C-alpha atoms as a PDB file:
ATOM      1  CA  MET A   1       3.857 -16.715   8.811  1.00  0.00           C
ATOM      2  CA  LYS A   2       1.903 -16.423   5.535  1.00  0.00           C
ATOM      3  CA  ARG A   3       1.646 -12.990   3.958  1.00  0.00           C
ATOM      4  CA  SER A   4      -2.169 -13.051   4.086  1.00  0.00           C
ATOM      5  CA  THR A   5      -2.091 -13.827   7.836  1.00  0.00           C
ATOM      6  CA  LEU A   6       0.332 -10.956   8.458  1.00  0.00           C
ATOM      7  CA  ALA A   7      -1.886  -8.589   6.483  1.00  0.00           C
ATOM      8  CA  ARG A   8      -4.949  -9.572   8.525  1.00  0.00           C
ATOM      9  CA  SER A   9      -3.049  -9.062  11.780  1.00  0.00           C
ATOM     10  CA  ALA A  10      -2.147  -5.517  10.721  1.00  0.00           C
ATOM     11  CA  ALA A  11      -5.794  -4.837   9.785  1.00  0.00           C
ATOM     12  CA  PHE A  12      -7.025  -5.999  13.210  1.00  0.00           C
ATOM     13  CA  ALA A  13      -4.363  -3.875  14.929  1.00  0.00           C
ATOM     14  CA  SER A  14      -5.416  -0.761  13.015  1.00  0.00           C
ATOM     15  CA  ILE A  15      -9.083  -1.324  13.931  1.00  0.00           C
ATOM     16  CA  ALA A  16      -8.201  -1.587  17.619  1.00  0.00           C
ATOM     17  CA  VAL A  17      -6.137   1.621  17.516  1.00  0.00           C
ATOM     18  CA  ALA A  18      -8.845   3.463  15.557  1.00  0.00           C
ATOM     19  CA  VAL A  19     -11.522   2.554  18.132  1.00  0.00           C
ATOM     20  CA  LEU A  20      -9.300   3.867  20.936  1.00  0.00           C
ATOM     21  CA  LEU A  21      -8.528   7.108  19.108  1.00  0.00           C
ATOM     22  CA  VAL A  22     -12.144   7.815  18.163  1.00  0.00           C
ATOM     23  CA  ALA A  23     -13.241   7.433  21.790  1.00  0.00           C
ATOM     24  CA  LEU A  24     -10.472   9.684  23.124  1.00  0.00           C
ATOM     25  CA  LYS A  25     -10.859  12.374  20.464  1.00  0.00           C
ATOM     26  CA  THR A  26     -14.647  12.508  20.757  1.00  0.00           C
ATOM     27  CA  TRP A  27     -14.229  13.421  24.405  1.00  0.00           C
ATOM     28  CA  ALA A  28     -11.388  15.863  23.646  1.00  0.00           C
ATOM     29  CA  SER A  29     -13.354  17.609  20.867  1.00  0.00           C
ATOM     30  CA  TRP A  30     -16.248  18.161  23.264  1.00  0.00           C
ATOM     31  CA  ARG A  31     -13.905  19.511  25.950  1.00  0.00           C
ATOM     32  CA  THR A  32     -11.820  21.831  23.742  1.00  0.00           C
ATOM     33  CA  GLY A  33     -14.063  22.936  20.863  1.00  0.00           C
ATOM     34  CA  SER A  34     -10.918  22.883  18.683  1.00  0.00           C
ATOM     35  CA  THR A  35     -11.284  22.733  14.900  1.00  0.00           C
ATOM     36  CA  ALA A  36      -7.924  20.999  14.659  1.00  0.00           C
ATOM     37  CA  MET A  37      -9.063  18.402  17.218  1.00  0.00           C
ATOM     38  CA  LEU A  38     -12.353  17.983  15.364  1.00  0.00           C
ATOM     39  CA  GLY A  39     -10.390  17.425  12.166  1.00  0.00           C
ATOM     40  CA  SER A  40      -8.252  14.848  13.908  1.00  0.00           C
ATOM     41  CA  LEU A  41     -11.415  13.131  15.210  1.00  0.00           C
ATOM     42  CA  ALA A  42     -12.915  13.059  11.701  1.00  0.00           C
ATOM     43  CA  ASP A  43      -9.698  11.547  10.383  1.00  0.00           C
ATOM     44  CA  SER A  44      -9.668   8.854  13.080  1.00  0.00           C
ATOM     45  CA  ALA A  45     -13.352   8.051  12.504  1.00  0.00           C
ATOM     46  CA  LEU A  46     -12.693   7.553   8.826  1.00  0.00           C
ATOM     47  CA  ASP A  47      -9.560   5.600   9.711  1.00  0.00           C
ATOM     48  CA  LEU A  48     -11.850   3.202  11.565  1.00  0.00           C
ATOM     49  CA  VAL A  49     -14.145   2.800   8.565  1.00  0.00           C
ATOM     50  CA  ALA A  50     -11.145   2.465   6.254  1.00  0.00           C
ATOM     51  CA  SER A  51      -9.508  -0.113   8.534  1.00  0.00           C
ATOM     52  CA  LEU A  52     -12.696  -2.171   8.436  1.00  0.00           C
ATOM     53  CA  ALA A  53     -12.612  -1.935   4.642  1.00  0.00           C
ATOM     54  CA  THR A  54      -8.959  -3.014   4.755  1.00  0.00           C
ATOM     55  CA  LEU A  55      -9.821  -6.064   6.854  1.00  0.00           C
ATOM     56  CA  VAL A  56     -12.539  -7.085   4.399  1.00  0.00           C
ATOM     57  CA  GLY A  57     -10.169  -6.460   1.491  1.00  0.00           C
ATOM     58  CA  VAL A  58      -7.227  -8.493   2.817  1.00  0.00           C
ATOM     59  CA  TRP A  59      -9.562 -11.286   3.943  1.00  0.00           C
ATOM     60  CA  PHE A  60     -11.231 -11.519   0.533  1.00  0.00           C
ATOM     61  CA  ALA A  61      -7.896 -11.201  -1.284  1.00  0.00           C
ATOM     62  CA  ALA A  62      -6.572 -14.206   0.671  1.00  0.00           C
ATOM     63  CA  GLN A  63      -9.331 -16.490  -0.621  1.00  0.00           C
ATOM     64  CA  PRO A  64      -8.025 -19.172  -2.994  1.00  0.00           C
ATOM     65  CA  ALA A  65      -8.677 -19.068  -6.716  1.00  0.00           C
ATOM     66  CA  ASP A  66     -11.979 -20.543  -7.882  1.00  0.00           C
ATOM     67  CA  ARG A  67     -13.747 -21.236 -11.170  1.00  0.00           C
ATOM     68  CA  GLU A  68     -14.892 -17.621 -11.539  1.00  0.00           C
ATOM     69  CA  HIS A  69     -11.614 -16.057 -10.359  1.00  0.00           C
ATOM     70  CA  ARG A  70      -8.813 -18.283 -11.634  1.00  0.00           C
ATOM     71  CA  PHE A  71      -6.149 -15.668 -10.844  1.00  0.00           C
ATOM     72  CA  GLY A  72      -7.386 -15.387  -7.259  1.00  0.00           C
ATOM     73  CA  HIS A  73      -8.962 -12.421  -5.491  1.00  0.00           C
ATOM     74  CA  GLY A  74      -5.875 -10.303  -4.817  1.00  0.00           C
ATOM     75  CA  LYS A  75      -7.202  -7.122  -6.420  1.00  0.00           C
ATOM     76  CA  ALA A  76      -9.725  -6.858  -3.594  1.00  0.00           C
ATOM     77  CA  GLU A  77      -6.874  -5.210  -1.683  1.00  0.00           C
ATOM     78  CA  ALA A  78      -6.545  -2.488  -4.299  1.00  0.00           C
ATOM     79  CA  LEU A  79     -10.311  -1.935  -4.235  1.00  0.00           C
ATOM     80  CA  ALA A  80     -10.180  -1.618  -0.439  1.00  0.00           C
ATOM     81  CA  ALA A  81      -7.376   0.913  -0.830  1.00  0.00           C
ATOM     82  CA  MET A  82      -9.515   2.939  -3.252  1.00  0.00           C
ATOM     83  CA  VAL A  83     -12.356   2.967  -0.689  1.00  0.00           C
ATOM     84  CA  GLN A  84      -9.883   4.403   1.787  1.00  0.00           C
ATOM     85  CA  VAL A  85      -8.797   7.050  -0.718  1.00  0.00           C
ATOM     86  CA  VAL A  86     -12.389   8.225  -1.191  1.00  0.00           C
ATOM     87  CA  LEU A  87     -12.912   8.402   2.571  1.00  0.00           C
ATOM     88  CA  ILE A  88      -9.693  10.347   3.102  1.00  0.00           C
ATOM     89  CA  ALA A  89     -10.668  12.838   0.392  1.00  0.00           C
ATOM     90  CA  LEU A  90     -14.128  13.338   1.930  1.00  0.00           C
ATOM     91  CA  SER A  91     -12.615  13.800   5.375  1.00  0.00           C
ATOM     92  CA  ALA A  92     -10.098  16.340   4.085  1.00  0.00           C
ATOM     93  CA  SER A  93     -12.791  18.319   2.264  1.00  0.00           C
ATOM     94  CA  ALA A  94     -14.963  18.496   5.389  1.00  0.00           C
ATOM     95  CA  ILE A  95     -12.030  19.618   7.542  1.00  0.00           C
ATOM     96  CA  ILE A  96     -11.034  22.336   5.074  1.00  0.00           C
ATOM     97  CA  PHE A  97     -14.635  23.605   4.930  1.00  0.00           C
ATOM     98  CA  ARG A  98     -14.938  23.646   8.728  1.00  0.00           C
ATOM     99  CA  ALA A  99     -11.599  25.445   9.125  1.00  0.00           C
ATOM    100  CA  ALA A 100     -12.529  28.047   6.508  1.00  0.00           C
ATOM    101  CA  MET A 101     -15.799  28.746   8.328  1.00  0.00           C
ATOM    102  CA  ARG A 102     -13.893  29.083  11.596  1.00  0.00           C
ATOM    103  CA  LEU A 103     -11.574  31.651   9.990  1.00  0.00           C
ATOM    104  CA  VAL A 104     -14.582  33.703   8.921  1.00  0.00           C
ATOM    105  CA  GLU A 105     -16.675  33.337  12.082  1.00  0.00           C
ATOM    106  CA  GLY A 106     -13.898  33.303  14.690  1.00  0.00           C
ATOM    107  CA  GLY A 107     -14.174  31.467  18.019  1.00  0.00           C
ATOM    108  CA  ALA A 108     -11.905  30.267  20.775  1.00  0.00           C
ATOM    109  CA  THR A 109     -10.820  26.866  22.031  1.00  0.00           C
ATOM    110  CA  ALA A 110     -10.741  25.645  25.630  1.00  0.00           C
ATOM    111  CA  GLY A 111      -9.292  22.840  27.746  1.00  0.00           C
ATOM    112  CA  ALA A 112      -5.822  22.754  26.213  1.00  0.00           C
ATOM    113  CA  GLU A 113      -4.533  20.317  28.831  1.00  0.00           C
ATOM    114  CA  GLU A 114      -7.135  17.678  27.992  1.00  0.00           C
ATOM    115  CA  GLY A 115      -6.585  18.063  24.253  1.00  0.00           C
ATOM    116  CA  ILE A 116      -2.812  17.830  24.569  1.00  0.00           C
ATOM    117  CA  ALA A 117      -3.013  14.758  26.813  1.00  0.00           C
ATOM    118  CA  VAL A 118      -5.332  12.947  24.402  1.00  0.00           C
ATOM    119  CA  SER A 119      -3.059  13.818  21.463  1.00  0.00           C
ATOM    120  CA  LEU A 120       0.007  12.440  23.267  1.00  0.00           C
ATOM    121  CA  VAL A 121      -1.774   9.163  24.077  1.00  0.00           C
ATOM    122  CA  ALA A 122      -2.905   8.941  20.449  1.00  0.00           C
ATOM    123  CA  MET A 123       0.676   9.427  19.234  1.00  0.00           C
ATOM    124  CA  VAL A 124       2.013   6.613  21.413  1.00  0.00           C
ATOM    125  CA  ALA A 125      -0.664   4.205  20.148  1.00  0.00           C
ATOM    126  CA  THR A 126      -0.068   5.298  16.553  1.00  0.00           C
ATOM    127  CA  PHE A 127       3.710   4.826  16.807  1.00  0.00           C
ATOM    128  CA  ALA A 128       3.180   1.233  17.933  1.00  0.00           C
ATOM    129  CA  LEU A 129       0.760   0.523  15.086  1.00  0.00           C
ATOM    130  CA  LEU A 130       3.026   2.096  12.455  1.00  0.00           C
ATOM    131  CA  ALA A 131       5.947  -0.046  13.609  1.00  0.00           C
ATOM    132  CA  TRP A 132       3.935  -3.239  13.113  1.00  0.00           C
ATOM    133  CA  GLN A 133       2.521  -2.041   9.786  1.00  0.00           C
ATOM    134  CA  ARG A 134       6.042  -1.389   8.487  1.00  0.00           C
ATOM    135  CA  VAL A 135       6.994  -4.980   9.314  1.00  0.00           C
ATOM    136  CA  VAL A 136       3.903  -6.306   7.536  1.00  0.00           C
ATOM    137  CA  ILE A 137       4.398  -4.099   4.450  1.00  0.00           C
ATOM    138  CA  ALA A 138       8.037  -5.180   4.152  1.00  0.00           C
ATOM    139  CA  ARG A 139       7.072  -8.851   4.261  1.00  0.00           C
ATOM    140  CA  THR A 140       3.860  -8.751   2.202  1.00  0.00           C
ATOM    141  CA  GLY A 141       3.871  -5.663  -0.035  1.00  0.00           C
ATOM    142  CA  SER A 142       0.159  -5.327   0.766  1.00  0.00           C
ATOM    143  CA  VAL A 143      -1.254  -2.268  -1.015  1.00  0.00           C
ATOM    144  CA  ALA A 144      -4.233  -2.119   1.364  1.00  0.00           C
ATOM    145  CA  ILE A 145      -2.017  -2.074   4.454  1.00  0.00           C
ATOM    146  CA  ARG A 146       0.216   0.507   2.741  1.00  0.00           C
ATOM    147  CA  ALA A 147      -2.825   2.766   2.234  1.00  0.00           C
ATOM    148  CA  ASP A 148      -3.799   2.240   5.881  1.00  0.00           C
ATOM    149  CA  HIS A 149      -0.218   3.102   6.829  1.00  0.00           C
ATOM    150  CA  VAL A 150      -0.615   6.455   5.055  1.00  0.00           C
ATOM    151  CA  HIS A 151      -3.628   7.201   7.269  1.00  0.00           C
ATOM    152  CA  TYR A 152      -1.749   6.623  10.466  1.00  0.00           C
ATOM    153  CA  GLN A 153       1.379   8.445   9.344  1.00  0.00           C
ATOM    154  CA  SER A 154      -0.809  11.479   8.788  1.00  0.00           C
ATOM    155  CA  ASP A 155      -2.383  10.885  12.190  1.00  0.00           C
ATOM    156  CA  LEU A 156       0.984  11.544  13.848  1.00  0.00           C
ATOM    157  CA  LEU A 157       1.162  14.921  12.124  1.00  0.00           C
ATOM    158  CA  LEU A 158      -2.478  15.577  12.932  1.00  0.00           C
ATOM    159  CA  ASN A 159      -1.839  15.110  16.631  1.00  0.00           C
ATOM    160  CA  LEU A 160       1.249  17.302  16.544  1.00  0.00           C
ATOM    161  CA  ALA A 161      -0.800  19.938  14.719  1.00  0.00           C
ATOM    162  CA  VAL A 162      -3.546  19.740  17.339  1.00  0.00           C
ATOM    163  CA  ILE A 163      -1.028  20.251  20.153  1.00  0.00           C
ATOM    164  CA  ALA A 164       0.557  23.202  18.337  1.00  0.00           C
ATOM    165  CA  ALA A 165      -2.841  24.752  17.583  1.00  0.00           C
ATOM    166  CA  LEU A 166      -4.014  24.496  21.191  1.00  0.00           C
ATOM    167  CA  VAL A 167      -0.759  25.890  22.578  1.00  0.00           C
ATOM    168  CA  LEU A 168      -0.671  28.818  20.140  1.00  0.00           C
ATOM    169  CA  ASP A 169      -4.370  29.584  20.574  1.00  0.00           C
ATOM    170  CA  GLN A 170      -4.617  29.418  24.364  1.00  0.00           C
ATOM    171  CA  TYR A 171      -1.120  30.249  25.588  1.00  0.00           C
ATOM    172  CA  ALA A 172       0.216  32.552  22.856  1.00  0.00           C
ATOM    173  CA  GLY A 173      -3.082  34.247  22.069  1.00  0.00           C
ATOM    174  CA  LEU A 174      -2.952  33.470  18.338  1.00  0.00           C
ATOM    175  CA  ALA A 175      -6.647  32.926  17.679  1.00  0.00           C
ATOM    176  CA  LEU A 176      -6.168  32.039  14.014  1.00  0.00           C
ATOM    177  CA  ALA A 177      -3.750  29.210  14.755  1.00  0.00           C
ATOM    178  CA  ASP A 178      -6.451  26.571  15.234  1.00  0.00           C
ATOM    179  CA  PRO A 179      -8.301  27.028  11.890  1.00  0.00           C
ATOM    180  CA  LEU A 180      -5.013  27.516  10.012  1.00  0.00           C
ATOM    181  CA  PHE A 181      -3.734  24.225  11.336  1.00  0.00           C
ATOM    182  CA  GLY A 182      -7.092  22.717  10.350  1.00  0.00           C
ATOM    183  CA  LEU A 183      -6.523  23.868   6.754  1.00  0.00           C
ATOM    184  CA  ALA A 184      -3.004  22.408   6.790  1.00  0.00           C
ATOM    185  CA  ILE A 185      -4.345  19.082   8.079  1.00  0.00           C
ATOM    186  CA  GLY A 186      -6.924  18.957   5.293  1.00  0.00           C
ATOM    187  CA  ALA A 187      -4.274  19.658   2.653  1.00  0.00           C
ATOM    188  CA  TRP A 188      -2.007  16.964   4.087  1.00  0.00           C
ATOM    189  CA  LEU A 189      -4.837  14.414   3.971  1.00  0.00           C
ATOM    190  CA  LEU A 190      -5.534  15.208   0.319  1.00  0.00           C
ATOM    191  CA  TRP A 191      -1.868  14.601  -0.480  1.00  0.00           C
ATOM    192  CA  GLY A 192      -2.018  11.281   1.392  1.00  0.00           C
ATOM    193  CA  ALA A 193      -5.114  10.295  -0.606  1.00  0.00           C
ATOM    194  CA  TRP A 194      -3.265  10.976  -3.857  1.00  0.00           C
ATOM    195  CA  SER A 195      -0.272   8.879  -2.780  1.00  0.00           C
ATOM    196  CA  ALA A 196      -2.448   5.940  -1.704  1.00  0.00           C
ATOM    197  CA  ALA A 197      -4.487   6.128  -4.916  1.00  0.00           C
ATOM    198  CA  THR A 198      -1.350   5.905  -7.045  1.00  0.00           C
ATOM    199  CA  SER A 199      -0.301   2.546  -5.538  1.00  0.00           C
ATOM    200  CA  ALA A 200      -3.821   1.106  -5.782  1.00  0.00           C
ATOM    201  CA  VAL A 201      -4.264   2.170  -9.412  1.00  0.00           C
ATOM    202  CA  ASP A 202      -0.855   0.703 -10.310  1.00  0.00           C
ATOM    203  CA  GLN A 203      -2.007  -2.666  -9.004  1.00  0.00           C
ATOM    204  CA  LEU A 204      -5.412  -2.479 -10.681  1.00  0.00           C
ATOM    205  CA  LEU A 205      -3.686  -1.711 -14.002  1.00  0.00           C
ATOM    206  CA  ASP A 206      -1.151  -4.545 -13.558  1.00  0.00           C
ATOM    207  CA  ARG A 207       1.913  -2.336 -13.418  1.00  0.00           C
ATOM    208  CA  GLU A 208       5.228  -4.150 -13.831  1.00  0.00           C
ATOM    209  CA  TRP A 209       7.343  -4.917 -10.758  1.00  0.00           C
ATOM    210  CA  PRO A 210       9.832  -2.238  -9.672  1.00  0.00           C
ATOM    211  CA  ASP A 211      13.067  -2.369 -11.692  1.00  0.00           C
ATOM    212  CA  GLU A 212      15.083  -3.671  -8.716  1.00  0.00           C
ATOM    213  CA  LYS A 213      12.763  -6.616  -8.083  1.00  0.00           C
ATOM    214  CA  ARG A 214      12.508  -7.397 -11.794  1.00  0.00           C
ATOM    215  CA  ALA A 215      16.313  -7.378 -12.153  1.00  0.00           C
ATOM    216  CA  ALA A 216      16.645  -9.659  -9.113  1.00  0.00           C
ATOM    217  CA  PHE A 217      14.246 -12.126 -10.714  1.00  0.00           C
ATOM    218  CA  VAL A 218      16.174 -12.145 -14.004  1.00  0.00           C
ATOM    219  CA  ALA A 219      19.437 -12.610 -12.079  1.00  0.00           C
ATOM    220  CA  ALA A 220      17.940 -15.635 -10.304  1.00  0.00           C
ATOM    221  CA  ALA A 221      16.832 -17.128 -13.630  1.00  0.00           C
ATOM    222  CA  ALA A 222      20.302 -16.495 -15.099  1.00  0.00           C
ATOM    223  CA  ARG A 223      21.756 -18.882 -12.499  1.00  0.00           C
ATOM    224  CA  HIS A 224      20.412 -21.703 -14.686  1.00  0.00           C
ATOM    225  CA  PRO A 225      22.912 -22.055 -17.594  1.00  0.00           C
ATOM    226  CA  GLU A 226      20.562 -24.343 -19.539  1.00  0.00           C
ATOM    227  CA  LEU A 227      18.305 -21.345 -20.227  1.00  0.00           C
ATOM    228  CA  SER A 228      19.014 -18.757 -22.900  1.00  0.00           C
ATOM    229  CA  ASN A 229      17.305 -15.701 -24.381  1.00  0.00           C
ATOM    230  CA  LEU A 230      14.785 -15.047 -21.609  1.00  0.00           C
ATOM    231  CA  HIS A 231      12.286 -12.711 -23.268  1.00  0.00           C
ATOM    232  CA  ASP A 232       8.672 -11.495 -23.149  1.00  0.00           C
ATOM    233  CA  LEU A 233       8.986 -11.205 -19.371  1.00  0.00           C
ATOM    234  CA  ARG A 234       5.769  -9.949 -17.773  1.00  0.00           C
ATOM    235  CA  THR A 235       5.288  -9.346 -14.069  1.00  0.00           C
ATOM    236  CA  ARG A 236       2.459  -8.063 -11.898  1.00  0.00           C
ATOM    237  CA  THR A 237       1.178  -8.185  -8.336  1.00  0.00           C
ATOM    238  CA  SER A 238      -2.367  -8.794  -7.153  1.00  0.00           C
ATOM    239  CA  GLY A 239      -2.805  -8.329  -3.419  1.00  0.00           C
ATOM    240  CA  THR A 240      -0.039 -10.367  -1.814  1.00  0.00           C
ATOM    241  CA  GLN A 241       0.256 -12.714  -4.827  1.00  0.00           C
ATOM    242  CA  ASP A 242       2.864 -12.225  -7.558  1.00  0.00           C
ATOM    243  CA  PHE A 243       2.402 -13.386 -11.147  1.00  0.00           C
ATOM    244  CA  VAL A 244       5.262 -13.869 -13.625  1.00  0.00           C
ATOM    245  CA  GLN A 245       5.483 -15.288 -17.121  1.00  0.00           C
ATOM    246  CA  PHE A 246       8.266 -15.394 -19.688  1.00  0.00           C
ATOM    247  CA  HIS A 247       9.547 -17.181 -22.795  1.00  0.00           C
ATOM    248  CA  VAL A 248      12.911 -18.924 -22.844  1.00  0.00           C
ATOM    249  CA  ASP A 249      14.930 -20.745 -25.520  1.00  0.00           C
ATOM    250  CA  LEU A 250      15.917 -24.399 -25.207  1.00  0.00           C
ATOM    251  CA  PRO A 251      17.760 -26.540 -27.790  1.00  0.00           C
ATOM    252  CA  GLY A 252      15.451 -27.898 -30.472  1.00  0.00           C
ATOM    253  CA  SER A 253      17.109 -31.317 -30.091  1.00  0.00           C
ATOM    254  CA  MET A 254      15.684 -31.752 -26.571  1.00  0.00           C
ATOM    255  CA  THR A 255      12.796 -34.147 -26.103  1.00  0.00           C
ATOM    256  CA  VAL A 256       9.595 -32.861 -24.547  1.00  0.00           C
ATOM    257  CA  GLU A 257      10.390 -34.824 -21.384  1.00  0.00           C
ATOM    258  CA  GLN A 258      13.896 -33.332 -21.110  1.00  0.00           C
ATOM    259  CA  ALA A 259      12.621 -29.798 -21.639  1.00  0.00           C
ATOM    260  CA  HIS A 260       9.891 -30.403 -19.062  1.00  0.00           C
ATOM    261  CA  ASP A 261      12.438 -31.577 -16.471  1.00  0.00           C
ATOM    262  CA  VAL A 262      14.575 -28.465 -17.023  1.00  0.00           C
ATOM    263  CA  ILE A 263      11.611 -26.118 -16.612  1.00  0.00           C
ATOM    264  CA  GLU A 264      10.394 -27.976 -13.513  1.00  0.00           C
ATOM    265  CA  ARG A 265      13.783 -27.427 -11.836  1.00  0.00           C
ATOM    266  CA  VAL A 266      13.809 -23.751 -12.829  1.00  0.00           C
ATOM    267  CA  GLU A 267      10.267 -23.208 -11.553  1.00  0.00           C
ATOM    268  CA  ALA A 268      11.026 -24.908  -8.232  1.00  0.00           C
ATOM    269  CA  ASP A 269      14.106 -22.729  -7.689  1.00  0.00           C
ATOM    270  CA  LEU A 270      12.468 -19.435  -8.666  1.00  0.00           C
ATOM    271  CA  CYS A 271       9.347 -20.097  -6.602  1.00  0.00           C
ATOM    272  CA  THR A 272      11.560 -20.797  -3.591  1.00  0.00           C
ATOM    273  CA  ARG A 273      13.408 -17.506  -4.083  1.00  0.00           C
ATOM    274  CA  PHE A 274      10.158 -15.583  -4.698  1.00  0.00           C
ATOM    275  CA  PRO A 275       7.520 -17.153  -2.440  1.00  0.00           C
ATOM    276  CA  GLU A 276       3.798 -16.788  -3.136  1.00  0.00           C
ATOM    277  CA  MET A 277       4.480 -16.377  -6.858  1.00  0.00           C
ATOM    278  CA  GLU A 278       2.590 -18.022  -9.688  1.00  0.00           C
ATOM    279  CA  LEU A 279       5.004 -18.704 -12.556  1.00  0.00           C
ATOM    280  CA  LEU A 280       4.308 -19.587 -16.176  1.00  0.00           C
ATOM    281  CA  ILE A 281       7.215 -20.440 -18.518  1.00  0.00           C
ATOM    282  CA  HIS A 282       6.811 -20.852 -22.275  1.00  0.00           C
ATOM    283  CA  ILE A 283       9.487 -22.800 -24.164  1.00  0.00           C
ATOM    284  CA  ASP A 284      10.722 -21.659 -27.588  1.00  0.00           C
ATOM    285  CA  PRO A 285      13.106 -23.690 -29.762  1.00  0.00           C
ATOM    286  CA  GLU A 286      16.515 -22.039 -29.924  1.00  0.00           C
ATOM    287  CA  GLY A 287      16.627 -19.340 -32.613  1.00  0.00           C
ATOM    288  CA  HIS A 288      12.841 -18.950 -32.851  1.00  0.00           C
ATOM    289  CA  VAL A 289      11.533 -15.381 -33.242  1.00  0.00           C
ATOM    290  CA  ASP A 290       8.025 -14.775 -31.905  1.00  0.00           C
ATOM    291  CA  ASP A 291       7.277 -11.346 -33.353  1.00  0.00           C
ATOM    292  CA  PRO A 292      10.112  -9.420 -35.024  1.00  0.00           C
ATOM    293  CA  GLY A 293       7.990  -6.266 -35.018  1.00  0.00           C
ATOM    294  CA  ASN A 294       7.582  -6.197 -31.223  1.00  0.00           C
ATOM    295  CA  PRO A 295      10.827  -5.197 -29.438  1.00  0.00           C
ATOM    296  CA  LEU A 296       9.319  -5.836 -25.988  1.00  0.00           C
ATOM    297  CA  VAL A 297       8.550  -9.448 -26.842  1.00  0.00           C
ATOM    298  CA  GLU A 298      11.991 -10.209 -28.251  1.00  0.00           C
ATOM    299  CA  GLU A 299      14.030  -8.258 -25.682  1.00  0.00           C
ATOM    300  CA  ASP A 300      16.590 -10.644 -24.161  1.00  0.00           C
ATOM    301  CA  GLU A 301      16.514 -10.023 -20.396  1.00  0.00           C
ATOM    302  CA  PHE A 302      19.794 -11.866 -19.849  1.00  0.00           C
ATOM    303  CA  LYS A 303      21.571  -9.425 -22.166  1.00  0.00           C
ATOM    304  CA  ARG A 304      19.888  -6.487 -20.466  1.00  0.00           C
ATOM    305  CA  LEU A 305      21.138  -7.810 -17.126  1.00  0.00           C
ATOM    306  CA  ALA A 306      24.676  -8.011 -18.504  1.00  0.00           C
ATOM    307  CA  GLY A 307      24.419  -4.475 -19.856  1.00  0.00           C
ATOM    308  CA  GLU A 308      24.507  -5.579 -23.477  1.00  0.00           C
ATOM    309  CA  THR A 309      22.247  -4.437 -26.311  1.00  0.00           C
ATOM    310  CA  PRO A 310      19.863  -7.232 -27.362  1.00  0.00           C
END
């Protein structure tokens, strides 16, 4: 299954779960009057909005390149993730404000049984969604689905916090438990927003691949003995699409046709090993130095792989 199709399936799944949770928690908030439950409802409502933004993002990112966007539309995923970050931050701020007011004004919760039951149902649904999202993230690397995953990971903790708050408030007589858990939920959401923002910004700024993936790519290229001095390697990811370019030395005695045939074979092999990658290879004649003043350009990746000093 294509990575874009997997990403869309995860977006639809998160929308379905969010609709269910919003309906259940609206009823539970009315029945219990719990600040922690209200915070969980606010989080799920924003999860729904964020999941819709994710669906739009992954759909737009999957559109093919056109005249105006020759590198494709992959960064739409990162933009969708940033929308989610803003929504999470707003939700967290509102929850913290509400919990602080509850600490000052006081107030009791009610209907613990209903609130606990709703939270348990929400946890079961969330576990199922998280399992599918993990599969999709592993296969696609989608930054938008990863941000959505952060939402629903926090939702598990939110529901546990709601259960704990209701139990402590109504059965242990600890009246401050509910607003204190509300404050903790708000803080956790802010941390989740920061984590999701970091991944989205990395993609928007064209951060290099992780070292492990980059090394695996160089190792795959090194399987072709006709190549030497692989340098000026640049990698980035946009949505579910990878982009790679590098320079490589070939003997100056080769004809253009011979050099072209070598590069065609290399490209075919590397694109098979790294699917959904756009690859650009520049040929240098053996011994050529592009820019002696730029160590990044002239760094031989094959020597780095072997642990040698270029």
